[in-house]
Amino acid sequence: MHQLSNMGLVRLRIRELAQEKGWTLKEVSERSGVIYSTVRSYARRRAMTTVDFTAIHKLARTFEVTIEDLVEILEE
């Protein structure tokens, strides 16, 4: 089990970043090594209270952005 990080209310900018690269969510999953169901869930949810930090790190690295650019903080 990866450590989960509680960051208040957050949204991950997966959909926008994937569109910029011209990638499908499936491609994001393949490139990042984060399982597709997780990528899809994170992309669909408008707000989350708990996220998998390992997944966020892999996704940020895949998109070549900082974690701050990937995570939109809605409410702390």
N, C-alpha and C. Protein backbone atom coordinates (compact mmCIF):
# COMPACT_ATOMS: atom_id res chain seq x y z
N MET A 1 0.84 -1.19 0.00
CA MET A 1 0.00 0.00 0.00
C MET A 1 0.89 1.25 0.00
N HIS A 2 0.65 2.11 -0.94
CA HIS A 2 1.41 3.35 -1.01
C HIS A 2 0.87 4.32 0.02
N GLN A 3 1.72 5.22 0.43
CA GLN A 3 1.27 6.22 1.39
C GLN A 3 0.27 7.14 0.72
N LEU A 4 -0.82 7.37 1.41
CA LEU A 4 -1.83 8.28 0.89
C LEU A 4 -1.63 9.64 1.53
N SER A 5 -1.83 10.66 0.75
CA SER A 5 -1.61 12.01 1.23
C SER A 5 -2.94 12.73 1.31
N ASN A 6 -3.26 13.29 2.44
CA ASN A 6 -4.47 14.08 2.58
C ASN A 6 -4.10 15.54 2.41
N MET A 7 -4.56 16.13 1.33
CA MET A 7 -4.14 17.49 0.98
C MET A 7 -5.32 18.45 0.97
N GLY A 8 -6.35 18.18 1.77
CA GLY A 8 -7.55 18.98 1.67
C GLY A 8 -8.32 18.49 0.46
N LEU A 9 -8.96 19.37 -0.26
CA LEU A 9 -9.72 18.99 -1.45
C LEU A 9 -8.90 19.33 -2.68
N VAL A 10 -8.62 18.32 -3.49
CA VAL A 10 -7.78 18.54 -4.67
C VAL A 10 -8.40 17.93 -5.92
N ARG A 11 -7.91 18.38 -7.05
CA ARG A 11 -8.28 17.82 -8.34
C ARG A 11 -6.99 17.64 -9.13
N LEU A 12 -6.88 16.52 -9.83
CA LEU A 12 -5.70 16.30 -10.66
C LEU A 12 -5.99 16.74 -12.09
N ARG A 13 -5.06 17.45 -12.71
CA ARG A 13 -5.26 18.02 -14.03
C ARG A 13 -4.86 17.02 -15.14
N ILE A 14 -5.21 15.76 -14.95
CA ILE A 14 -4.80 14.70 -15.88
C ILE A 14 -5.40 14.91 -17.27
N ARG A 15 -6.71 15.18 -17.31
CA ARG A 15 -7.39 15.32 -18.60
C ARG A 15 -6.78 16.45 -19.44
N GLU A 16 -6.56 17.61 -18.81
CA GLU A 16 -6.01 18.75 -19.54
C GLU A 16 -4.60 18.46 -20.03
N LEU A 17 -3.78 17.87 -19.17
CA LEU A 17 -2.40 17.59 -19.54
C LEU A 17 -2.33 16.52 -20.63
N ALA A 18 -3.20 15.54 -20.57
CA ALA A 18 -3.24 14.50 -21.60
C ALA A 18 -3.64 15.11 -22.95
N GLN A 19 -4.62 16.01 -22.92
CA GLN A 19 -5.06 16.65 -24.16
C GLN A 19 -3.94 17.46 -24.78
N GLU A 20 -3.17 18.17 -23.95
CA GLU A 20 -2.04 18.96 -24.46
C GLU A 20 -1.04 18.08 -25.20
N LYS A 21 -0.85 16.85 -24.70
CA LYS A 21 0.11 15.93 -25.31
C LYS A 21 -0.51 15.10 -26.42
N GLY A 22 -1.84 15.14 -26.53
CA GLY A 22 -2.53 14.32 -27.52
C GLY A 22 -2.60 12.85 -27.11
N TRP A 23 -2.61 12.60 -25.80
CA TRP A 23 -2.64 11.23 -25.29
C TRP A 23 -4.03 10.87 -24.80
N THR A 24 -4.39 9.59 -24.93
CA THR A 24 -5.59 9.07 -24.30
C THR A 24 -5.25 8.74 -22.84
N LEU A 25 -6.27 8.51 -22.04
CA LEU A 25 -6.01 8.12 -20.64
C LEU A 25 -5.30 6.77 -20.60
N LYS A 26 -5.60 5.91 -21.59
CA LYS A 26 -4.93 4.60 -21.67
C LYS A 26 -3.43 4.81 -21.90
N GLU A 27 -3.09 5.75 -22.79
CA GLU A 27 -1.68 6.04 -23.05
C GLU A 27 -1.00 6.63 -21.80
N VAL A 28 -1.72 7.48 -21.07
CA VAL A 28 -1.17 8.03 -19.83
C VAL A 28 -0.83 6.89 -18.88
N SER A 29 -1.74 5.93 -18.77
CA SER A 29 -1.53 4.77 -17.91
C SER A 29 -0.29 3.98 -18.34
N GLU A 30 -0.20 3.71 -19.64
CA GLU A 30 0.93 2.92 -20.16
C GLU A 30 2.26 3.65 -19.96
N ARG A 31 2.26 4.95 -20.22
CA ARG A 31 3.50 5.72 -20.11
C ARG A 31 3.95 5.91 -18.66
N SER A 32 2.98 6.02 -17.75
CA SER A 32 3.30 6.33 -16.36
C SER A 32 3.49 5.09 -15.49
N GLY A 33 2.88 3.98 -15.91
CA GLY A 33 2.92 2.79 -15.07
C GLY A 33 1.86 2.81 -13.98
N VAL A 34 0.97 3.80 -14.02
CA VAL A 34 -0.14 3.87 -13.07
C VAL A 34 -1.32 3.12 -13.70
N ILE A 35 -1.93 2.21 -12.94
CA ILE A 35 -2.97 1.38 -13.55
C ILE A 35 -4.11 2.24 -14.10
N TYR A 36 -4.68 1.75 -15.22
CA TYR A 36 -5.67 2.52 -15.96
C TYR A 36 -6.87 2.92 -15.10
N SER A 37 -7.35 2.01 -14.27
CA SER A 37 -8.53 2.34 -13.45
C SER A 37 -8.24 3.53 -12.53
N THR A 38 -7.01 3.62 -12.04
CA THR A 38 -6.62 4.75 -11.18
C THR A 38 -6.55 6.03 -11.98
N VAL A 39 -5.90 5.97 -13.16
CA VAL A 39 -5.80 7.17 -14.02
C VAL A 39 -7.19 7.67 -14.38
N ARG A 40 -8.07 6.74 -14.77
CA ARG A 40 -9.43 7.11 -15.18
C ARG A 40 -10.19 7.72 -14.01
N SER A 41 -10.07 7.10 -12.86
CA SER A 41 -10.75 7.60 -11.66
C SER A 41 -10.27 9.00 -11.30
N TYR A 42 -8.95 9.20 -11.30
CA TYR A 42 -8.38 10.51 -10.97
C TYR A 42 -8.78 11.56 -12.01
N ALA A 43 -8.87 11.17 -13.27
CA ALA A 43 -9.21 12.12 -14.33
C ALA A 43 -10.67 12.54 -14.24
N ARG A 44 -11.53 11.63 -13.81
CA ARG A 44 -12.98 11.89 -13.78
C ARG A 44 -13.43 12.67 -12.56
N ARG A 45 -12.75 12.49 -11.46
CA ARG A 45 -13.25 13.07 -10.21
C ARG A 45 -12.96 14.56 -10.12
N ARG A 46 -14.00 15.29 -9.77
CA ARG A 46 -13.87 16.75 -9.68
C ARG A 46 -13.12 17.17 -8.42
N ALA A 47 -13.24 16.35 -7.38
CA ALA A 47 -12.59 16.70 -6.12
C ALA A 47 -12.30 15.43 -5.34
N MET A 48 -11.12 15.37 -4.74
CA MET A 48 -10.72 14.22 -3.95
C MET A 48 -10.11 14.72 -2.65
N THR A 49 -10.23 13.90 -1.63
CA THR A 49 -9.57 14.26 -0.37
C THR A 49 -8.30 13.45 -0.19
N THR A 50 -8.22 12.28 -0.82
CA THR A 50 -7.06 11.42 -0.63
C THR A 50 -6.53 10.97 -1.98
N VAL A 51 -5.23 11.07 -2.15
CA VAL A 51 -4.60 10.65 -3.40
C VAL A 51 -3.37 9.81 -3.10
N ASP A 52 -3.02 8.96 -4.04
CA ASP A 52 -1.85 8.10 -3.91
C ASP A 52 -0.63 8.91 -4.35
N PHE A 53 0.24 9.22 -3.41
CA PHE A 53 1.38 10.09 -3.71
C PHE A 53 2.31 9.47 -4.75
N THR A 54 2.48 8.15 -4.70
CA THR A 54 3.34 7.48 -5.68
C THR A 54 2.77 7.67 -7.09
N ALA A 55 1.46 7.53 -7.23
CA ALA A 55 0.81 7.72 -8.53
C ALA A 55 0.98 9.16 -9.01
N ILE A 56 0.78 10.11 -8.11
CA ILE A 56 0.94 11.53 -8.48
C ILE A 56 2.37 11.81 -8.96
N HIS A 57 3.32 11.25 -8.25
CA HIS A 57 4.72 11.45 -8.62
C HIS A 57 4.99 10.88 -10.02
N LYS A 58 4.50 9.68 -10.28
CA LYS A 58 4.70 9.05 -11.60
C LYS A 58 4.01 9.85 -12.69
N LEU A 59 2.80 10.32 -12.42
CA LEU A 59 2.06 11.09 -13.42
C LEU A 59 2.74 12.42 -13.71
N ALA A 60 3.20 13.11 -12.68
CA ALA A 60 3.90 14.39 -12.90
C ALA A 60 5.14 14.16 -13.75
N ARG A 61 5.89 13.10 -13.45
CA ARG A 61 7.10 12.80 -14.21
C ARG A 61 6.75 12.47 -15.66
N THR A 62 5.67 11.74 -15.86
CA THR A 62 5.25 11.37 -17.22
C THR A 62 4.88 12.60 -18.04
N PHE A 63 4.15 13.52 -17.42
CA PHE A 63 3.74 14.74 -18.11
C PHE A 63 4.85 15.80 -18.15
N GLU A 64 5.95 15.53 -17.45
CA GLU A 64 7.06 16.48 -17.36
C GLU A 64 6.61 17.81 -16.75
N VAL A 65 5.84 17.70 -15.67
CA VAL A 65 5.41 18.89 -14.93
C VAL A 65 5.73 18.66 -13.46
N THR A 66 5.65 19.72 -12.68
CA THR A 66 5.84 19.57 -11.23
C THR A 66 4.55 19.02 -10.63
N ILE A 67 4.66 18.50 -9.44
CA ILE A 67 3.47 18.04 -8.73
C ILE A 67 2.51 19.21 -8.53
N GLU A 68 3.05 20.39 -8.28
CA GLU A 68 2.20 21.59 -8.11
C GLU A 68 1.41 21.90 -9.38
N ASP A 69 1.98 21.59 -10.55
CA ASP A 69 1.27 21.82 -11.81
C ASP A 69 0.20 20.77 -12.06
N LEU A 70 0.39 19.58 -11.51
CA LEU A 70 -0.55 18.48 -11.71
C LEU A 70 -1.73 18.57 -10.76
N VAL A 71 -1.46 19.00 -9.53
CA VAL A 71 -2.47 19.02 -8.47
C VAL A 71 -3.06 20.41 -8.33
N GLU A 72 -4.36 20.50 -8.50
CA GLU A 72 -5.04 21.77 -8.29
C GLU A 72 -5.69 21.70 -6.90
N ILE A 73 -5.28 22.59 -6.01
CA ILE A 73 -5.83 22.58 -4.66
C ILE A 73 -7.12 23.41 -4.67
N LEU A 74 -8.21 22.74 -4.36
CA LEU A 74 -9.52 23.40 -4.38
C LEU A 74 -9.84 24.01 -3.02
N GLU A 75 -9.42 23.30 -1.97
CA GLU A 75 -9.77 23.73 -0.62
C GLU A 75 -8.80 23.07 0.34
N GLU A 76 -8.21 23.83 1.23
CA GLU A 76 -7.27 23.23 2.18
C GLU A 76 -7.95 23.03 3.53
